[in-house]
Amino acid sequence: MVKPSDNIEIGMHIYEKGIGITSIITTNSADRSLIGSYFNAVKNALVDNDESRLEQFQNINIIDADGNAHEFETDLDALHEIYEQQEEPEFFDIYDS
C-alpha cells in the first residue's frame, strides 16, 4: 500500500547555506520533494537571475537522519559560485549514489 510519506533513508545533495554542495541522508518523502522543488527554483533563479524565486526557501531547514539541520542556500551570488565550480553542472544529480 502506498502511503503519503515514508521513512526510507535516501542520500541527497543540497546547496547548504555558507557551505556549498552537501550530501545528507533524508528520512522522508516530504523532505525529498522539498529538495526537488528547491533545485527547480534554483535552476530558474539562475537562468532568470531572479533571487525572488528562492524566497520561499529562505530559513528552511532539512533535518537529516542524524538530526542535524541543513539550511538551503538562497543567496543568488553564492549559488552562481557553486554552479560555476561544478565540473559538469548540467549533469548534477540531486541523489547521492
N, C-alpha and C. Protein backbone atom coordinates (compact mmCIF):
# COMPACT_ATOMS: atom_id res chain seq x y z
N MET A 1 0.82 -1.18 0.00
CA MET A 1 0.00 0.00 0.00
C MET A 1 0.88 1.25 0.00
N VAL A 2 0.58 2.19 -0.86
CA VAL A 2 1.34 3.43 -0.95
C VAL A 2 0.85 4.40 0.11
N LYS A 3 1.80 5.00 0.81
CA LYS A 3 1.47 5.97 1.85
C LYS A 3 1.84 7.37 1.37
N PRO A 4 1.22 8.42 1.94
CA PRO A 4 1.54 9.78 1.52
C PRO A 4 2.98 10.18 1.85
N SER A 5 3.60 9.54 2.80
CA SER A 5 5.00 9.79 3.11
C SER A 5 5.63 8.47 3.56
N ASP A 6 6.94 8.48 3.68
CA ASP A 6 7.64 7.25 4.06
C ASP A 6 8.76 7.58 5.04
N ASN A 7 9.44 6.56 5.50
CA ASN A 7 10.57 6.73 6.40
C ASN A 7 11.84 6.10 5.81
N ILE A 8 11.92 6.05 4.51
CA ILE A 8 13.08 5.47 3.84
C ILE A 8 14.23 6.48 3.87
N GLU A 9 15.43 6.02 4.17
CA GLU A 9 16.60 6.89 4.19
C GLU A 9 17.26 6.87 2.82
N ILE A 10 17.40 8.06 2.23
CA ILE A 10 17.99 8.21 0.90
C ILE A 10 18.97 9.38 0.93
N GLY A 11 20.16 9.18 0.39
CA GLY A 11 21.16 10.24 0.30
C GLY A 11 20.82 11.22 -0.82
N MET A 12 20.91 12.49 -0.50
CA MET A 12 20.65 13.54 -1.49
C MET A 12 21.66 14.67 -1.30
N HIS A 13 21.83 15.44 -2.37
CA HIS A 13 22.67 16.63 -2.30
C HIS A 13 21.79 17.85 -2.12
N ILE A 14 22.31 18.84 -1.41
CA ILE A 14 21.66 20.14 -1.35
C ILE A 14 22.75 21.20 -1.46
N TYR A 15 22.34 22.42 -1.77
CA TYR A 15 23.23 23.57 -1.67
C TYR A 15 22.96 24.16 -0.30
N GLU A 16 23.90 23.96 0.63
CA GLU A 16 23.70 24.39 2.01
C GLU A 16 24.29 25.77 2.24
N LYS A 17 23.54 26.59 2.94
CA LYS A 17 23.92 27.98 3.22
C LYS A 17 25.30 28.02 3.88
N GLY A 18 26.19 28.82 3.27
CA GLY A 18 27.52 29.02 3.82
C GLY A 18 28.48 27.87 3.63
N ILE A 19 28.03 26.77 3.03
CA ILE A 19 28.89 25.59 2.87
C ILE A 19 29.08 25.22 1.41
N GLY A 20 28.01 25.18 0.65
CA GLY A 20 28.06 24.74 -0.75
C GLY A 20 27.33 23.43 -0.90
N ILE A 21 27.84 22.59 -1.78
CA ILE A 21 27.20 21.29 -2.01
C ILE A 21 27.45 20.39 -0.81
N THR A 22 26.37 19.85 -0.26
CA THR A 22 26.44 18.96 0.88
C THR A 22 25.62 17.71 0.58
N SER A 23 26.10 16.57 1.04
CA SER A 23 25.36 15.33 0.92
C SER A 23 24.73 15.02 2.26
N ILE A 24 23.42 14.77 2.27
CA ILE A 24 22.71 14.45 3.50
C ILE A 24 21.88 13.19 3.30
N ILE A 25 21.52 12.55 4.40
CA ILE A 25 20.62 11.41 4.35
C ILE A 25 19.23 11.92 4.75
N THR A 26 18.30 11.87 3.79
CA THR A 26 16.92 12.28 4.07
C THR A 26 16.16 11.10 4.64
N THR A 27 15.13 11.41 5.42
CA THR A 27 14.39 10.34 6.08
C THR A 27 12.93 10.25 5.66
N ASN A 28 12.49 11.14 4.77
CA ASN A 28 11.08 11.07 4.37
C ASN A 28 10.86 11.70 3.00
N SER A 29 9.77 11.31 2.38
CA SER A 29 9.48 11.78 1.03
C SER A 29 9.13 13.26 0.99
N ALA A 30 8.61 13.81 2.07
CA ALA A 30 8.28 15.24 2.10
C ALA A 30 9.55 16.07 1.95
N ASP A 31 10.62 15.69 2.65
CA ASP A 31 11.89 16.41 2.51
C ASP A 31 12.47 16.25 1.11
N ARG A 32 12.37 15.04 0.56
CA ARG A 32 12.90 14.82 -0.79
C ARG A 32 12.13 15.65 -1.82
N SER A 33 10.84 15.76 -1.65
CA SER A 33 10.03 16.58 -2.54
C SER A 33 10.41 18.06 -2.41
N LEU A 34 10.63 18.51 -1.17
CA LEU A 34 11.04 19.89 -0.93
C LEU A 34 12.39 20.17 -1.58
N ILE A 35 13.32 19.24 -1.48
CA ILE A 35 14.64 19.40 -2.10
C ILE A 35 14.49 19.49 -3.62
N GLY A 36 13.64 18.66 -4.20
CA GLY A 36 13.39 18.73 -5.64
C GLY A 36 12.82 20.07 -6.05
N SER A 37 11.87 20.58 -5.28
CA SER A 37 11.28 21.90 -5.57
C SER A 37 12.33 22.99 -5.44
N TYR A 38 13.19 22.86 -4.43
CA TYR A 38 14.27 23.83 -4.23
C TYR A 38 15.20 23.86 -5.44
N PHE A 39 15.63 22.70 -5.92
CA PHE A 39 16.54 22.68 -7.06
C PHE A 39 15.88 23.22 -8.33
N ASN A 40 14.60 23.01 -8.49
CA ASN A 40 13.89 23.59 -9.62
C ASN A 40 13.89 25.12 -9.51
N ALA A 41 13.65 25.63 -8.30
CA ALA A 41 13.67 27.08 -8.08
C ALA A 41 15.07 27.65 -8.30
N VAL A 42 16.10 26.92 -7.86
CA VAL A 42 17.48 27.36 -8.07
C VAL A 42 17.78 27.46 -9.57
N LYS A 43 17.39 26.43 -10.31
CA LYS A 43 17.63 26.44 -11.75
C LYS A 43 16.97 27.66 -12.39
N ASN A 44 15.72 27.90 -12.06
CA ASN A 44 15.00 29.05 -12.64
C ASN A 44 15.60 30.37 -12.19
N ALA A 45 16.00 30.47 -10.93
CA ALA A 45 16.60 31.70 -10.41
C ALA A 45 17.92 32.00 -11.12
N LEU A 46 18.72 30.96 -11.37
CA LEU A 46 20.00 31.16 -12.06
C LEU A 46 19.78 31.57 -13.51
N VAL A 47 18.84 30.95 -14.18
CA VAL A 47 18.56 31.27 -15.59
C VAL A 47 18.03 32.70 -15.73
N ASP A 48 17.09 33.06 -14.86
CA ASP A 48 16.44 34.37 -14.93
C ASP A 48 17.18 35.44 -14.13
N ASN A 49 18.20 35.03 -13.37
CA ASN A 49 18.92 35.94 -12.47
C ASN A 49 17.93 36.65 -11.55
N ASP A 50 17.01 35.87 -10.97
CA ASP A 50 15.91 36.40 -10.18
C ASP A 50 15.87 35.73 -8.81
N GLU A 51 16.44 36.40 -7.82
CA GLU A 51 16.54 35.85 -6.47
C GLU A 51 15.17 35.65 -5.81
N SER A 52 14.15 36.35 -6.30
CA SER A 52 12.81 36.22 -5.69
C SER A 52 12.25 34.80 -5.84
N ARG A 53 12.75 34.04 -6.81
CA ARG A 53 12.30 32.66 -6.99
C ARG A 53 12.71 31.76 -5.82
N LEU A 54 13.64 32.25 -4.99
CA LEU A 54 14.16 31.46 -3.88
C LEU A 54 13.58 31.88 -2.53
N GLU A 55 12.74 32.91 -2.52
CA GLU A 55 12.22 33.45 -1.25
C GLU A 55 11.53 32.40 -0.40
N GLN A 56 10.78 31.51 -1.01
CA GLN A 56 10.03 30.51 -0.23
C GLN A 56 10.94 29.51 0.48
N PHE A 57 12.22 29.49 0.11
CA PHE A 57 13.16 28.54 0.72
C PHE A 57 14.08 29.20 1.75
N GLN A 58 13.91 30.51 1.98
CA GLN A 58 14.73 31.19 2.98
C GLN A 58 14.38 30.68 4.37
N ASN A 59 15.41 30.45 5.16
CA ASN A 59 15.27 29.99 6.55
C ASN A 59 14.56 28.64 6.67
N ILE A 60 14.62 27.83 5.61
CA ILE A 60 14.04 26.49 5.64
C ILE A 60 15.18 25.50 5.92
N ASN A 61 14.95 24.62 6.87
CA ASN A 61 15.93 23.60 7.22
C ASN A 61 15.42 22.22 6.87
N ILE A 62 16.32 21.39 6.43
CA ILE A 62 16.07 19.96 6.25
C ILE A 62 16.81 19.26 7.39
N ILE A 63 16.11 18.40 8.10
CA ILE A 63 16.74 17.65 9.19
C ILE A 63 17.16 16.29 8.64
N ASP A 64 18.45 16.00 8.75
CA ASP A 64 18.96 14.74 8.21
C ASP A 64 18.72 13.58 9.18
N ALA A 65 19.14 12.40 8.79
CA ALA A 65 18.91 11.18 9.57
C ALA A 65 19.57 11.23 10.95
N ASP A 66 20.60 12.06 11.10
CA ASP A 66 21.29 12.19 12.39
C ASP A 66 20.71 13.31 13.25
N GLY A 67 19.67 13.99 12.74
CA GLY A 67 19.04 15.07 13.48
C GLY A 67 19.68 16.43 13.28
N ASN A 68 20.62 16.53 12.33
CA ASN A 68 21.28 17.80 12.06
C ASN A 68 20.46 18.63 11.07
N ALA A 69 20.40 19.94 11.30
CA ALA A 69 19.66 20.84 10.42
C ALA A 69 20.58 21.37 9.32
N HIS A 70 20.04 21.44 8.11
CA HIS A 70 20.77 21.95 6.95
C HIS A 70 19.89 23.00 6.27
N GLU A 71 20.39 24.24 6.21
CA GLU A 71 19.61 25.34 5.64
C GLU A 71 19.95 25.52 4.16
N PHE A 72 18.90 25.70 3.35
CA PHE A 72 19.10 25.92 1.92
C PHE A 72 19.85 27.22 1.66
N GLU A 73 20.76 27.19 0.69
CA GLU A 73 21.42 28.41 0.22
C GLU A 73 20.43 29.15 -0.67
N THR A 74 20.17 30.41 -0.36
CA THR A 74 19.23 31.20 -1.17
C THR A 74 19.87 32.48 -1.69
N ASP A 75 21.14 32.69 -1.42
CA ASP A 75 21.85 33.86 -1.95
C ASP A 75 22.24 33.57 -3.40
N LEU A 76 21.73 34.37 -4.31
CA LEU A 76 21.95 34.12 -5.74
C LEU A 76 23.42 34.18 -6.12
N ASP A 77 24.18 35.11 -5.54
CA ASP A 77 25.61 35.18 -5.85
C ASP A 77 26.33 33.90 -5.41
N ALA A 78 26.00 33.42 -4.22
CA ALA A 78 26.60 32.18 -3.73
C ALA A 78 26.23 31.00 -4.62
N LEU A 79 24.98 30.96 -5.08
CA LEU A 79 24.54 29.87 -5.96
C LEU A 79 25.25 29.94 -7.31
N HIS A 80 25.47 31.14 -7.84
CA HIS A 80 26.24 31.26 -9.08
C HIS A 80 27.65 30.71 -8.89
N GLU A 81 28.27 31.01 -7.75
CA GLU A 81 29.62 30.50 -7.46
C GLU A 81 29.62 28.98 -7.38
N ILE A 82 28.65 28.41 -6.67
CA ILE A 82 28.56 26.96 -6.55
C ILE A 82 28.41 26.33 -7.94
N TYR A 83 27.51 26.89 -8.73
CA TYR A 83 27.24 26.36 -10.07
C TYR A 83 28.50 26.42 -10.94
N GLU A 84 29.22 27.53 -10.88
CA GLU A 84 30.42 27.69 -11.70
C GLU A 84 31.55 26.76 -11.27
N GLN A 85 31.56 26.33 -10.02
CA GLN A 85 32.62 25.45 -9.51
C GLN A 85 32.39 23.99 -9.90
N GLN A 86 31.18 23.65 -10.31
CA GLN A 86 30.89 22.27 -10.69
C GLN A 86 31.50 21.98 -12.06
N GLU A 87 32.10 20.81 -12.19
CA GLU A 87 32.74 20.44 -13.45
C GLU A 87 31.73 20.28 -14.58
N GLU A 88 30.64 19.60 -14.32
CA GLU A 88 29.60 19.41 -15.32
C GLU A 88 28.24 19.68 -14.67
N PRO A 89 27.91 20.96 -14.45
CA PRO A 89 26.68 21.27 -13.71
C PRO A 89 25.40 20.78 -14.39
N GLU A 90 25.43 20.62 -15.71
CA GLU A 90 24.22 20.15 -16.40
C GLU A 90 23.92 18.69 -16.08
N PHE A 91 24.90 17.96 -15.53
CA PHE A 91 24.71 16.55 -15.19
C PHE A 91 24.63 16.34 -13.67
N PHE A 92 24.47 17.43 -12.91
CA PHE A 92 24.37 17.32 -11.46
C PHE A 92 23.17 16.49 -11.06
N ASP A 93 23.37 15.54 -10.18
CA ASP A 93 22.30 14.65 -9.72
C ASP A 93 22.03 14.96 -8.25
N ILE A 94 20.76 15.24 -7.94
CA ILE A 94 20.46 15.56 -6.54
C ILE A 94 20.51 14.34 -5.64
N TYR A 95 20.47 13.15 -6.23
CA TYR A 95 20.56 11.93 -5.41
C TYR A 95 22.02 11.52 -5.27
N ASP A 96 22.41 11.18 -4.05
CA ASP A 96 23.77 10.76 -3.75
C ASP A 96 23.86 9.27 -4.02
N SER A 97 24.75 8.89 -4.92
CA SER A 97 24.84 7.47 -5.29
C SER A 97 25.81 6.70 -4.41
